[in-house]
PDB file of N, CA and C in Angstrom:
ATOM      1  N   UNK A   1      12.960 -17.352 -18.641  1.00  0.00           N
ATOM      2  CA  UNK A   1      13.556 -16.515 -17.679  1.00  0.00           C
ATOM      3  C   UNK A   1      12.591 -15.412 -17.247  1.00  0.00           C
ATOM      4  N   UNK A   2      11.349 -15.129 -17.815  1.00  0.00           N
ATOM      5  CA  UNK A   2      10.465 -14.105 -17.742  1.00  0.00           C
ATOM      6  C   UNK A   2       9.720 -14.676 -16.131  1.00  0.00           C
ATOM      7  N   UNK A   3       9.423 -16.210 -16.067  1.00  0.00           N
ATOM      8  CA  UNK A   3       8.790 -16.463 -14.613  1.00  0.00           C
ATOM      9  C   UNK A   3      10.056 -16.122 -13.723  1.00  0.00           C
ATOM     10  N   UNK A   4      11.115 -16.230 -13.679  1.00  0.00           N
ATOM     11  CA  UNK A   4      12.442 -15.765 -12.538  1.00  0.00           C
ATOM     12  C   UNK A   4      12.302 -14.443 -12.579  1.00  0.00           C
ATOM     13  N   UNK A   5      12.156 -13.617 -13.345  1.00  0.00           N
ATOM     14  CA  UNK A   5      12.193 -12.296 -13.528  1.00  0.00           C
ATOM     15  C   UNK A   5      11.060 -11.690 -12.711  1.00  0.00           C
ATOM     16  N   UNK A   6      10.134 -12.448 -12.728  1.00  0.00           N
ATOM     17  CA  UNK A   6       8.573 -12.167 -12.130  1.00  0.00           C
ATOM     18  C   UNK A   6       8.905 -12.061 -10.560  1.00  0.00           C
ATOM     19  N   UNK A   7       9.351 -13.386 -10.261  1.00  0.00           N
ATOM     20  CA  UNK A   7       9.310 -13.745  -8.921  1.00  0.00           C
ATOM     21  C   UNK A   7      10.334 -13.093  -8.202  1.00  0.00           C
ATOM     22  N   UNK A   8      11.557 -12.574  -8.594  1.00  0.00           N
ATOM     23  CA  UNK A   8      12.500 -11.581  -8.086  1.00  0.00           C
ATOM     24  C   UNK A   8      12.113 -10.292  -8.268  1.00  0.00           C
ATOM     25  N   UNK A   9      11.370  -9.818  -9.073  1.00  0.00           N
ATOM     26  CA  UNK A   9      10.894  -8.593  -8.974  1.00  0.00           C
ATOM     27  C   UNK A   9       9.553  -8.621  -7.934  1.00  0.00           C
ATOM     28  N   UNK A  10       9.007  -9.407  -7.745  1.00  0.00           N
ATOM     29  CA  UNK A  10       7.910  -9.826  -6.726  1.00  0.00           C
ATOM     30  C   UNK A  10       8.555  -9.860  -5.080  1.00  0.00           C
ATOM     31  N   UNK A  11       9.535 -10.743  -4.875  1.00  0.00           N
ATOM     32  CA  UNK A  11       9.854 -10.764  -3.906  1.00  0.00           C
ATOM     33  C   UNK A  11      10.958  -9.495  -3.555  1.00  0.00           C
ATOM     34  N   UNK A  12      11.618  -9.133  -4.269  1.00  0.00           N
ATOM     35  CA  UNK A  12      12.635  -7.952  -4.348  1.00  0.00           C
ATOM     36  C   UNK A  12      11.734  -6.585  -3.836  1.00  0.00           C
ATOM     37  N   UNK A  13      10.567  -6.345  -4.513  1.00  0.00           N
ATOM     38  CA  UNK A  13       9.613  -5.040  -4.040  1.00  0.00           C
ATOM     39  C   UNK A  13       8.906  -5.240  -2.591  1.00  0.00           C
ATOM     40  N   UNK A  14       8.799  -6.527  -2.535  1.00  0.00           N
ATOM     41  CA  UNK A  14       8.110  -6.702  -1.452  1.00  0.00           C
ATOM     42  C   UNK A  14       8.781  -6.546  -0.304  1.00  0.00           C
ATOM     43  N   UNK A  15      10.122  -6.355  -0.082  1.00  0.00           N
ATOM     44  CA  UNK A  15      10.887  -6.243   0.903  1.00  0.00           C
ATOM     45  C   UNK A  15      10.669  -4.754   1.306  1.00  0.00           C
ATOM     46  N   UNK A  16      10.732  -3.802   0.716  1.00  0.00           N
ATOM     47  CA  UNK A  16      10.440  -2.322   0.740  1.00  0.00           C
ATOM     48  C   UNK A  16       9.057  -2.098   1.303  1.00  0.00           C
ATOM     49  N   UNK A  17       8.024  -2.684   0.737  1.00  0.00           N
ATOM     50  CA  UNK A  17       6.827  -2.316   0.899  1.00  0.00           C
ATOM     51  C   UNK A  17       6.329  -2.864   2.521  1.00  0.00           C
ATOM     52  N   UNK A  18       6.902  -3.872   2.638  1.00  0.00           N
ATOM     53  CA  UNK A  18       6.820  -4.561   4.050  1.00  0.00           C
ATOM     54  C   UNK A  18       7.437  -3.682   5.133  1.00  0.00           C
ATOM     55  N   UNK A  19       8.600  -3.261   4.650  1.00  0.00           N
ATOM     56  CA  UNK A  19       9.468  -2.376   5.794  1.00  0.00           C
ATOM     57  C   UNK A  19       8.559  -0.929   5.881  1.00  0.00           C
ATOM     58  N   UNK A  20       7.859  -0.425   4.913  1.00  0.00           N
ATOM     59  CA  UNK A  20       7.165   0.516   4.988  1.00  0.00           C
ATOM     60  C   UNK A  20       5.778   0.581   5.817  1.00  0.00           C
ATOM     61  N   UNK A  21       5.413  -0.934   5.754  1.00  0.00           N
ATOM     62  CA  UNK A  21       4.219  -1.268   6.606  1.00  0.00           C
ATOM     63  C   UNK A  21       4.701  -1.403   7.820  1.00  0.00           C
ATOM     64  N   UNK A  22       5.743  -1.868   8.307  1.00  0.00           N
ATOM     65  CA  UNK A  22       6.203  -1.833   9.796  1.00  0.00           C
ATOM     66  C   UNK A  22       6.299  -0.687  10.426  1.00  0.00           C
ATOM     67  N   UNK A  23       6.916   0.339   9.579  1.00  0.00           N
ATOM     68  CA  UNK A  23       7.262   1.647  10.122  1.00  0.00           C
ATOM     69  C   UNK A  23       5.714   2.180  10.497  1.00  0.00           C
ATOM     70  N   UNK A  24       4.665   1.763   9.584  1.00  0.00           N
ATOM     71  CA  UNK A  24       3.512   2.599   9.931  1.00  0.00           C
ATOM     72  C   UNK A  24       2.515   1.577  11.137  1.00  0.00           C
ATOM     73  N   UNK A  25       3.133   0.718  11.684  1.00  0.00           N
ATOM     74  CA  UNK A  25       2.485  -0.342  12.310  1.00  0.00           C
ATOM     75  C   UNK A  25       1.880   0.101  13.620  1.00  0.00           C
ATOM     76  N   UNK A  26       0.899  -0.568  14.092  1.00  0.00           N
ATOM     77  CA  UNK A  26       0.149  -0.267  15.251  1.00  0.00           C
ATOM     78  C   UNK A  26       0.819  -0.449  16.499  1.00  0.00           C
ATOM     79  N   UNK A  27       1.746  -1.522  16.508  1.00  0.00           N
ATOM     80  CA  UNK A  27       2.265  -1.704  17.796  1.00  0.00           C
ATOM     81  C   UNK A  27       3.527  -2.292  17.567  1.00  0.00           C
ATOM     82  N   UNK A  28       4.377  -2.363  18.235  1.00  0.00           N
ATOM     83  CA  UNK A  28       5.938  -3.125  18.248  1.00  0.00           C
ATOM     84  C   UNK A  28       5.780  -4.507  17.870  1.00  0.00           C
ATOM     85  N   UNK A  29       4.438  -5.277  18.260  1.00  0.00           N
ATOM     86  CA  UNK A  29       4.376  -6.456  17.594  1.00  0.00           C
ATOM     87  C   UNK A  29       4.232  -6.623  16.223  1.00  0.00           C
ATOM     88  N   UNK A  30       3.456  -5.433  15.887  1.00  0.00           N
ATOM     89  CA  UNK A  30       2.882  -5.389  14.414  1.00  0.00           C
ATOM     90  C   UNK A  30       4.365  -5.350  13.609  1.00  0.00           C
ATOM     91  N   UNK A  31       5.109  -4.230  14.173  1.00  0.00           N
ATOM     92  CA  UNK A  31       6.047  -4.062  13.417  1.00  0.00           C
ATOM     93  C   UNK A  31       7.229  -5.119  13.345  1.00  0.00           C
ATOM     94  N   UNK A  32       7.612  -5.806  14.325  1.00  0.00           N
ATOM     95  CA  UNK A  32       8.314  -7.210  14.214  1.00  0.00           C
ATOM     96  C   UNK A  32       7.649  -8.038  13.036  1.00  0.00           C
ATOM     97  N   UNK A  33       6.021  -8.282  13.052  1.00  0.00           N
ATOM     98  CA  UNK A  33       5.689  -9.150  12.260  1.00  0.00           C
ATOM     99  C   UNK A  33       5.887  -8.724  10.857  1.00  0.00           C
ATOM    100  N   UNK A  34       5.652  -7.374  10.477  1.00  0.00           N
ATOM    101  CA  UNK A  34       6.068  -6.701   9.439  1.00  0.00           C
ATOM    102  C   UNK A  34       7.300  -6.876   9.095  1.00  0.00           C
ATOM    103  N   UNK A  35       8.514  -6.709   9.835  1.00  0.00           N
ATOM    104  CA  UNK A  35       9.853  -6.838   9.598  1.00  0.00           C
ATOM    105  C   UNK A  35      10.239  -8.285   9.156  1.00  0.00           C
ATOM    106  N   UNK A  36       9.512  -9.276   9.947  1.00  0.00           N
ATOM    107  CA  UNK A  36       9.909 -10.612   9.732  1.00  0.00           C
ATOM    108  C   UNK A  36       9.430 -11.000   8.470  1.00  0.00           C
ATOM    109  N   UNK A  37       8.245 -10.467   7.776  1.00  0.00           N
ATOM    110  CA  UNK A  37       7.984 -10.549   6.348  1.00  0.00           C
ATOM    111  C   UNK A  37       8.992  -9.963   5.582  1.00  0.00           C
ATOM    112  N   UNK A  38       9.259  -8.880   5.787  1.00  0.00           N
ATOM    113  CA  UNK A  38      10.681  -8.303   4.925  1.00  0.00           C
ATOM    114  C   UNK A  38      11.771  -9.116   4.725  1.00  0.00           C
ATOM    115  N   UNK A  39      12.030  -9.726   5.952  1.00  0.00           N
ATOM    116  CA  UNK A  39      13.402 -10.784   6.368  1.00  0.00           C
ATOM    117  C   UNK A  39      12.879 -11.930   5.298  1.00  0.00           C
ATOM    118  N   UNK A  40      11.951 -12.678   5.324  1.00  0.00           N
ATOM    119  CA  UNK A  40      11.440 -13.610   4.390  1.00  0.00           C
ATOM    120  C   UNK A  40      11.557 -13.330   3.118  1.00  0.00           C
ATOM    121  N   UNK A  41      11.078 -12.302   2.599  1.00  0.00           N
ATOM    122  CA  UNK A  41      10.977 -11.586   1.199  1.00  0.00           C
ATOM    123  C   UNK A  41      12.515 -11.894   0.662  1.00  0.00           C
ATOM    124  N   UNK A  42      13.225 -11.111   1.826  1.00  0.00           N
ATOM    125  CA  UNK A  42      14.839 -10.806   1.377  1.00  0.00           C
ATOM    126  C   UNK A  42      15.286 -12.198   1.275  1.00  0.00           C
ATOM    127  N   UNK A  43      15.329 -13.093   1.981  1.00  0.00           N
ATOM    128  CA  UNK A  43      15.728 -14.587   1.817  1.00  0.00           C
ATOM    129  C   UNK A  43      15.393 -15.248   0.445  1.00  0.00           C
ATOM    130  N   UNK A  44      13.904 -14.847   0.176  1.00  0.00           N
ATOM    131  CA  UNK A  44      13.467 -15.353  -1.001  1.00  0.00           C
ATOM    132  C   UNK A  44      13.928 -14.932  -2.373  1.00  0.00           C
ATOM    133  N   UNK A  45      14.123 -13.662  -2.026  1.00  0.00           N
ATOM    134  CA  UNK A  45      14.698 -12.873  -3.195  1.00  0.00           C
ATOM    135  C   UNK A  45      16.537 -13.274  -3.495  1.00  0.00           C
ATOM    136  N   UNK A  46      17.180 -13.940  -2.145  1.00  0.00           N
ATOM    137  CA  UNK A  46      18.293 -14.143  -2.428  1.00  0.00           C
ATOM    138  C   UNK A  46      18.364 -15.747  -2.987  1.00  0.00           C
ATOM    139  N   UNK A  47      17.517 -16.347  -2.699  1.00  0.00           N
ATOM    140  CA  UNK A  47      17.170 -17.673  -3.682  1.00  0.00           C
ATOM    141  C   UNK A  47      17.233 -17.407  -4.959  1.00  0.00           C
ATOM    142  N   UNK A  48      16.378 -16.277  -5.297  1.00  0.00           N
ATOM    143  CA  UNK A  48      16.029 -16.368  -6.721  1.00  0.00           C
ATOM    144  C   UNK A  48      17.440 -15.607  -7.375  1.00  0.00           C
ATOM    145  N   UNK A  49      18.026 -14.924  -6.905  1.00  0.00           N
ATOM    146  CA  UNK A  49      19.532 -14.201  -7.576  1.00  0.00           C
ATOM    147  C   UNK A  49      20.306 -15.493  -7.550  1.00  0.00           C
ATOM    148  N   UNK A  50      20.443 -16.500  -6.702  1.00  0.00           N
ATOM    149  CA  UNK A  50      21.186 -17.479  -6.886  1.00  0.00           C
ATOM    150  C   UNK A  50      21.047 -18.417  -7.971  1.00  0.00           C
ATOM    151  N   UNK A  51      19.454 -18.513  -8.250  1.00  0.00           N
ATOM    152  CA  UNK A  51      18.732 -19.492  -9.338  1.00  0.00           C
ATOM    153  C   UNK A  51      19.165 -18.859 -10.483  1.00  0.00           C
ATOM    154  N   UNK A  52      19.035 -17.501 -10.669  1.00  0.00           N
ATOM    155  CA  UNK A  52      19.318 -16.599 -11.815  1.00  0.00           C
ATOM    156  C   UNK A  52      20.838 -16.918 -12.157  1.00  0.00           C
ATOM    157  N   UNK A  53      21.747 -16.772 -10.999  1.00  0.00           N
ATOM    158  CA  UNK A  53      23.087 -16.911 -11.509  1.00  0.00           C
ATOM    159  C   UNK A  53      23.385 -18.387 -11.901  1.00  0.00           C
ATOM    160  N   UNK A  54      22.866 -19.450 -11.469  1.00  0.00           N
ATOM    161  CA  UNK A  54      23.051 -20.858 -11.851  1.00  0.00           C
ATOM    162  C   UNK A  54      22.762 -21.111 -12.827  1.00  0.00           C
ATOM    163  N   UNK A  55      21.676 -20.519 -13.537  1.00  0.00           N
ATOM    164  CA  UNK A  55      21.146 -20.623 -14.968  1.00  0.00           C
ATOM    165  C   UNK A  55      21.672 -20.008 -15.802  1.00  0.00           C
ATOM    166  N   UNK A  56      22.599 -19.027 -15.507  1.00  0.00           N
ATOM    167  CA  UNK A  56      23.475 -18.193 -16.687  1.00  0.00           C
ATOM    168  C   UNK A  56      22.737 -16.762 -16.703  1.00  0.00           C
ATOM    169  N   UNK A  57      21.750 -16.693 -16.168  1.00  0.00           N
ATOM    170  CA  UNK A  57      21.065 -15.433 -16.583  1.00  0.00           C
ATOM    171  C   UNK A  57      21.446 -14.246 -15.883  1.00  0.00           C
ATOM    172  N   UNK A  58      22.394 -14.417 -14.971  1.00  0.00           N
ATOM    173  CA  UNK A  58      22.916 -13.107 -14.030  1.00  0.00           C
ATOM    174  C   UNK A  58      24.458 -13.401 -14.033  1.00  0.00           C
ATOM    175  N   UNK A  59      25.469 -12.890 -14.734  1.00  0.00           N
ATOM    176  CA  UNK A  59      26.869 -12.967 -14.693  1.00  0.00           C
ATOM    177  C   UNK A  59      27.342 -12.557 -13.135  1.00  0.00           C
ATOM    178  N   UNK A  60      28.701 -13.473 -13.220  1.00  0.00           N
ATOM    179  CA  UNK A  60      29.294 -13.178 -12.165  1.00  0.00           C
ATOM    180  C   UNK A  60      29.389 -12.028 -11.276  1.00  0.00           C
ATOM    181  N   UNK A  61      30.078 -11.011 -11.793  1.00  0.00           N
ATOM    182  CA  UNK A  61      30.107  -9.409 -11.338  1.00  0.00           C
ATOM    183  C   UNK A  61      28.716  -8.930 -10.844  1.00  0.00           C
ATOM    184  N   UNK A  62      27.618  -9.069 -11.672  1.00  0.00           N
ATOM    185  CA  UNK A  62      26.744  -8.399 -11.052  1.00  0.00           C
ATOM    186  C   UNK A  62      25.880  -9.504 -10.050  1.00  0.00           C
ATOM    187  N   UNK A  63      25.897 -10.590 -10.202  1.00  0.00           N
ATOM    188  CA  UNK A  63      25.559 -11.409  -8.915  1.00  0.00           C
ATOM    189  C   UNK A  63      26.177 -11.297  -7.761  1.00  0.00           C
ATOM    190  N   UNK A  64      27.590 -11.190  -7.882  1.00  0.00           N
ATOM    191  CA  UNK A  64      28.511 -10.836  -6.843  1.00  0.00           C
ATOM    192  C   UNK A  64      28.130  -9.287  -5.894  1.00  0.00           C
ATOM    193  N   UNK A  65      27.925  -8.503  -6.531  1.00  0.00           N
ATOM    194  CA  UNK A  65      27.372  -7.103  -6.203  1.00  0.00           C
ATOM    195  C   UNK A  65      26.057  -7.334  -5.554  1.00  0.00           C
ATOM    196  N   UNK A  66      24.958  -7.781  -6.259  1.00  0.00           N
ATOM    197  CA  UNK A  66      23.487  -7.701  -5.810  1.00  0.00           C
ATOM    198  C   UNK A  66      23.377  -8.663  -4.626  1.00  0.00           C
ATOM    199  N   UNK A  67      24.195  -9.840  -5.048  1.00  0.00           N
ATOM    200  CA  UNK A  67      23.965 -11.049  -3.528  1.00  0.00           C
ATOM    201  C   UNK A  67      24.666 -10.237  -2.477  1.00  0.00           C
ATOM    202  N   UNK A  68      25.728  -9.733  -2.633  1.00  0.00           N
ATOM    203  CA  UNK A  68      26.127  -9.004  -1.233  1.00  0.00           C
ATOM    204  C   UNK A  68      25.343  -8.292  -0.741  1.00  0.00           C
ATOM    205  N   UNK A  69      24.709  -7.176  -1.541  1.00  0.00           N
ATOM    206  CA  UNK A  69      23.745  -6.305  -1.070  1.00  0.00           C
ATOM    207  C   UNK A  69      22.620  -6.743  -0.401  1.00  0.00           C
ATOM    208  N   UNK A  70      22.138  -7.814  -0.907  1.00  0.00           N
ATOM    209  CA  UNK A  70      20.843  -8.817  -0.456  1.00  0.00           C
ATOM    210  C   UNK A  70      21.385  -9.343   1.148  1.00  0.00           C
ATOM    211  N   UNK A  71      22.434 -10.036   1.233  1.00  0.00           N
ATOM    212  CA  UNK A  71      22.954 -10.336   2.273  1.00  0.00           C
ATOM    213  C   UNK A  71      22.791  -9.620   3.250  1.00  0.00           C
ATOM    214  N   UNK A  72      23.476  -8.205   2.933  1.00  0.00           N
ATOM    215  CA  UNK A  72      23.843  -7.270   3.912  1.00  0.00           C
ATOM    216  C   UNK A  72      22.392  -6.747   4.558  1.00  0.00           C
ATOM    217  N   UNK A  73      21.439  -6.939   3.539  1.00  0.00           N
ATOM    218  CA  UNK A  73      19.887  -6.685   3.903  1.00  0.00           C
ATOM    219  C   UNK A  73      19.204  -7.379   4.715  1.00  0.00           C
ATOM    220  N   UNK A  74      19.474  -8.596   4.595  1.00  0.00           N
ATOM    221  CA  UNK A  74      19.019 -10.095   5.301  1.00  0.00           C
ATOM    222  C   UNK A  74      19.553  -9.725   6.826  1.00  0.00           C
ATOM    223  N   UNK A  75      20.962  -9.153   6.890  1.00  0.00           N
ATOM    224  CA  UNK A  75      21.509  -9.232   8.269  1.00  0.00           C
ATOM    225  C   UNK A  75      20.762  -8.155   8.990  1.00  0.00           C
ATOM    226  N   UNK A  76      20.666  -6.871   8.088  1.00  0.00           N
ATOM    227  CA  UNK A  76      20.021  -6.123   8.887  1.00  0.00           C
ATOM    228  C   UNK A  76      18.680  -5.951   9.394  1.00  0.00           C
ATOM    229  N   UNK A  77      17.896  -6.611   8.615  1.00  0.00           N
ATOM    230  CA  UNK A  77      16.654  -7.152   8.886  1.00  0.00           C
ATOM    231  C   UNK A  77      16.478  -8.091  10.116  1.00  0.00           C
ATOM    232  N   UNK A  78      17.533  -8.943   9.999  1.00  0.00           N
ATOM    233  CA  UNK A  78      17.434  -9.680  11.257  1.00  0.00           C
ATOM    234  C   UNK A  78      17.759  -9.125  12.315  1.00  0.00           C
ATOM    235  N   UNK A  79      18.650  -8.259  12.312  1.00  0.00           N
ATOM    236  CA  UNK A  79      19.093  -7.475  13.496  1.00  0.00           C
ATOM    237  C   UNK A  79      18.207  -6.653  13.995  1.00  0.00           C
ATOM    238  N   UNK A  80      17.443  -5.865  13.457  1.00  0.00           N
ATOM    239  CA  UNK A  80      16.067  -5.394  13.907  1.00  0.00           C
ATOM    240  C   UNK A  80      15.375  -6.160  14.750  1.00  0.00           C
ATOM    241  N   UNK A  81      14.847  -6.969  13.666  1.00  0.00           N
ATOM    242  CA  UNK A  81      13.661  -7.857  14.374  1.00  0.00           C
ATOM    243  C   UNK A  81      14.327  -8.540  15.708  1.00  0.00           C
ATOM    244  N   UNK A  82      15.609  -8.988  16.114  1.00  0.00           N
ATOM    245  CA  UNK A  82      15.953  -9.462  17.119  1.00  0.00           C
ATOM    246  C   UNK A  82      15.969  -8.226  18.256  1.00  0.00           C
ATOM    247  N   UNK A  83      16.350  -7.525  17.917  1.00  0.00           N
ATOM    248  CA  UNK A  83      16.511  -6.270  18.616  1.00  0.00           C
ATOM    249  C   UNK A  83      14.853  -5.697  19.077  1.00  0.00           C
ATOM    250  N   UNK A  84      14.325  -5.559  18.534  1.00  0.00           N
ATOM    251  CA  UNK A  84      13.049  -5.027  18.610  1.00  0.00           C
ATOM    252  C   UNK A  84      12.288  -6.188  19.555  1.00  0.00           C
ATOM    253  N   UNK A  85      12.321  -7.456  19.318  1.00  0.00           N
ATOM    254  CA  UNK A  85      11.964  -8.427  20.100  1.00  0.00           C
ATOM    255  C   UNK A  85      12.364  -8.617  21.385  1.00  0.00           C
ATOM    256  N   UNK A  86      13.654  -8.242  21.381  1.00  0.00           N
ATOM    257  CA  UNK A  86      14.508  -8.273  22.892  1.00  0.00           C
ATOM    258  C   UNK A  86      13.988  -7.078  23.443  1.00  0.00           C
ATOM    259  N   UNK A  87      13.664  -5.817  22.782  1.00  0.00           N
ATOM    260  CA  UNK A  87      13.179  -4.660  23.606  1.00  0.00           C
ATOM    261  C   UNK A  87      11.910  -4.935  24.224  1.00  0.00           C
ATOM    262  N   UNK A  88      10.876  -5.683  23.402  1.00  0.00           N
ATOM    263  CA  UNK A  88       9.413  -5.943  23.905  1.00  0.00           C
ATOM    264  C   UNK A  88       9.692  -6.914  25.132  1.00  0.00           C
ATOM    265  N   UNK A  89      10.624  -7.805  24.719  1.00  0.00           N
ATOM    266  CA  UNK A  89      10.468  -8.628  26.208  1.00  0.00           C
ATOM    267  C   UNK A  89      11.042  -8.095  27.132  1.00  0.00           C
ATOM    268  N   UNK A  90      11.824  -7.032  27.313  1.00  0.00           N
ATOM    269  CA  UNK A  90      12.405  -6.223  28.380  1.00  0.00           C
ATOM    270  C   UNK A  90      11.424  -5.453  29.091  1.00  0.00           C
ATOM    271  N   UNK A  91      10.678  -4.777  27.916  1.00  0.00           N
ATOM    272  CA  UNK A  91       9.405  -3.995  28.534  1.00  0.00           C
ATOM    273  C   UNK A  91       8.490  -4.936  29.222  1.00  0.00           C
ATOM    274  N   UNK A  92       8.195  -5.946  28.758  1.00  0.00           N
ATOM    275  CA  UNK A  92       7.376  -6.785  29.691  1.00  0.00           C
ATOM    276  C   UNK A  92       7.619  -7.277  30.869  1.00  0.00           C
ATOM    277  N   UNK A  93       8.991  -7.627  30.816  1.00  0.00           N
ATOM    278  CA  UNK A  93       9.687  -8.130  32.096  1.00  0.00           C
ATOM    279  C   UNK A  93       9.444  -7.227  33.101  1.00  0.00           C
ATOM    280  N   UNK A  94      10.034  -5.640  32.585  1.00  0.00           N
ATOM    281  CA  UNK A  94       9.636  -4.620  33.832  1.00  0.00           C
ATOM    282  C   UNK A  94       8.395  -4.350  33.933  1.00  0.00           C
ATOM    283  N   UNK A  95       7.504  -4.536  33.285  1.00  0.00           N
ATOM    284  CA  UNK A  95       6.004  -4.353  33.421  1.00  0.00           C
ATOM    285  C   UNK A  95       5.531  -5.240  34.857  1.00  0.00           C
ATOM    286  N   UNK A  96       5.759  -6.489  34.725  1.00  0.00           N
ATOM    287  CA  UNK A  96       5.892  -7.750  35.483  1.00  0.00           C
ATOM    288  C   UNK A  96       6.353  -7.546  36.641  1.00  0.00           C
ATOM    289  N   UNK A  97       7.382  -6.753  36.818  1.00  0.00           N
ATOM    290  CA  UNK A  97       8.012  -6.543  37.960  1.00  0.00           C
ATOM    291  C   UNK A  97       7.593  -5.394  38.969  1.00  0.00           C
ATOM    292  N   UNK A  98       7.155  -4.347  38.071  1.00  0.00           N
ATOM    293  CA  UNK A  98       6.155  -3.217  38.699  1.00  0.00           C
ATOM    294  C   UNK A  98       5.037  -3.696  39.054  1.00  0.00           C
ATOM    295  N   UNK A  99       4.133  -4.729  38.516  1.00  0.00           N
ATOM    296  CA  UNK A  99       3.076  -5.512  38.763  1.00  0.00           C
ATOM    297  C   UNK A  99       3.281  -6.330  40.512  1.00  0.00           C
ATOM    298  N   UNK A 100       4.310  -6.978  40.486  1.00  0.00           N
ATOM    299  CA  UNK A 100       4.980  -7.907  41.606  1.00  0.00           C
ATOM    300  C   UNK A 100       4.955  -6.685  42.727  1.00  0.00           C
ATOM    301  N   UNK A 101       5.555  -5.589  42.636  1.00  0.00           N
ATOM    302  CA  UNK A 101       6.009  -4.509  43.533  1.00  0.00           C
ATOM    303  C   UNK A 101       4.828  -4.086  44.041  1.00  0.00           C
ATOM    304  N   UNK A 102       3.839  -3.779  43.452  1.00  0.00           N
ATOM    305  CA  UNK A 102       2.756  -3.189  43.799  1.00  0.00           C
ATOM    306  C   UNK A 102       1.524  -4.139  44.274  1.00  0.00           C
ATOM    307  N   UNK A 103       1.714  -5.200  44.488  1.00  0.00           N
ATOM    308  CA  UNK A 103       0.797  -6.192  44.759  1.00  0.00           C
ATOM    309  C   UNK A 103       1.057  -6.300  46.128  1.00  0.00           C
TER     310      UNK A 103
END
């Protein structure tokens, strides 16, 4: 149990740490990178939760609640990443359009 608990503690706390780093990012690209890392850590945490449940270390009621929260976090981080990437692409397209108009 201890190795599993350490893994879930590591990946679970890494989510928040990387979100904090994203908020302090140097650029939107840096923000997207850190949010992407948070998303990967959330997915890893989801894996460890399923493993803890499958091996009997996490009972059904607790698993259902925590797993639901983890899945919602995955959805939110994924949406943030996609939206930010879309905004970056739109900004680049606008800049390209302005450059073409000015040439």
